[in-house]
Protein backbone atom coordinates (compact mmCIF):
# COMPACT_ATOMS: atom_id res chain seq x y z
CA MET A 1 0.00 0.00 0.00
CA ARG A 2 1.36 3.39 -0.98
CA ASP A 3 -0.87 5.69 1.07
CA SER A 4 -4.36 6.02 2.53
CA LEU A 5 -6.99 8.64 3.33
CA ARG A 6 -9.36 8.76 6.28
CA PHE A 7 -13.04 9.64 6.02
CA GLU A 8 -15.70 10.37 8.65
CA THR A 9 -17.97 7.75 7.11
CA ALA A 10 -17.06 4.74 5.02
CA PRO A 11 -16.94 5.51 1.29
CA GLY A 12 -18.55 2.89 -0.90
CA LEU A 13 -17.92 4.02 -4.47
CA ILE A 14 -15.25 5.95 -6.31
CA ALA A 15 -15.46 7.55 -9.74
CA VAL A 16 -12.13 8.71 -11.16
CA SER A 17 -12.19 11.68 -13.53
CA PRO A 18 -11.25 10.87 -17.14
CA ASP A 19 -7.95 12.79 -16.73
CA GLY A 20 -7.12 10.76 -13.59
CA ARG A 21 -6.53 13.84 -11.43
CA ARG A 22 -9.62 13.70 -9.20
CA GLY A 23 -11.63 11.04 -7.48
CA PHE A 24 -15.23 11.44 -6.35
CA LEU A 25 -16.23 9.21 -3.42
CA ASN A 26 -19.70 8.67 -2.09
CA SER A 27 -20.56 8.65 1.57
CA ALA A 28 -22.27 5.49 2.68
CA SER A 29 -24.57 7.36 5.06
CA ARG A 30 -24.55 11.06 4.11
CA GLY A 31 -25.90 12.81 1.05
CA ALA A 32 -22.50 13.99 -0.10
CA VAL A 33 -19.72 13.25 -2.56
CA SER A 34 -16.14 13.89 -1.41
CA VAL A 35 -13.69 15.31 -3.95
CA VAL A 36 -10.13 13.96 -3.74
CA ASP A 37 -7.10 15.42 -5.50
CA LEU A 38 -5.44 12.18 -6.56
CA THR A 39 -2.15 13.87 -7.45
CA ALA A 40 -1.79 15.30 -3.92
CA ASN A 41 -3.70 12.44 -2.25
CA ARG A 42 -5.93 14.71 -0.18
CA VAL A 43 -9.60 15.57 0.17
CA VAL A 44 -10.23 19.00 -1.34
CA GLY A 45 -13.97 19.35 -0.87
CA ALA A 46 -17.42 17.86 -0.51
CA ILE A 47 -20.51 18.31 -2.64
CA GLN A 48 -23.91 17.98 -0.99
CA THR A 49 -26.35 16.03 -3.15
CA GLY A 50 -29.46 17.10 -1.28
CA GLY A 51 -30.58 13.53 -0.86
CA GLY A 52 -29.71 10.33 0.90
CA ALA A 53 -26.86 7.99 0.19
CA VAL A 54 -25.34 7.93 -3.29
CA PHE A 55 -25.86 4.52 -4.90
CA GLY A 56 -24.04 5.00 -8.21
CA MET A 57 -21.93 7.53 -10.11
CA GLY A 58 -20.78 8.01 -13.68
CA PHE A 59 -19.18 10.71 -15.83
CA SER A 60 -20.43 12.35 -18.98
CA PRO A 61 -18.24 11.42 -21.99
CA ASP A 62 -16.36 14.76 -21.79
CA GLY A 63 -15.85 14.47 -17.99
CA LYS A 64 -17.50 17.82 -17.29
CA ARG A 65 -20.42 16.34 -15.38
CA LEU A 66 -20.76 13.60 -12.80
CA TYR A 67 -24.14 11.93 -12.43
CA ALA A 68 -24.88 10.66 -8.92
CA ALA A 69 -27.88 8.40 -8.27
CA THR A 70 -29.46 9.08 -4.88
CA SER A 71 -32.74 8.09 -3.28
CA GLY A 72 -35.35 8.92 -5.92
CA LYS A 73 -33.28 11.23 -8.13
CA VAL A 74 -30.12 11.69 -10.17
CA VAL A 75 -27.98 14.70 -9.23
CA VAL A 76 -25.87 16.35 -11.93
CA ILE A 77 -22.57 17.72 -10.58
CA ASP A 78 -20.44 20.23 -12.50
CA THR A 79 -16.93 18.81 -12.12
CA GLU A 80 -15.20 21.91 -13.46
CA ARG A 81 -15.99 24.05 -10.43
């Protein structure tokens, strides 16, 4: 193992940006997606989804949007912010 990160709640999914620079991790119990700078190996932010747990995530073909499936809706996240 090269390194590790700690989270308040256990992440269940990770979606890596097409350029490989950022990872988006769901929270198993909160309605949020953590943003990780994979080049620096640190958490740089969190995006509230306004719903329950995130069950699935996927990028648009150009990597500009991340779609996160939550309880009863799909949240569209602008990944360029």
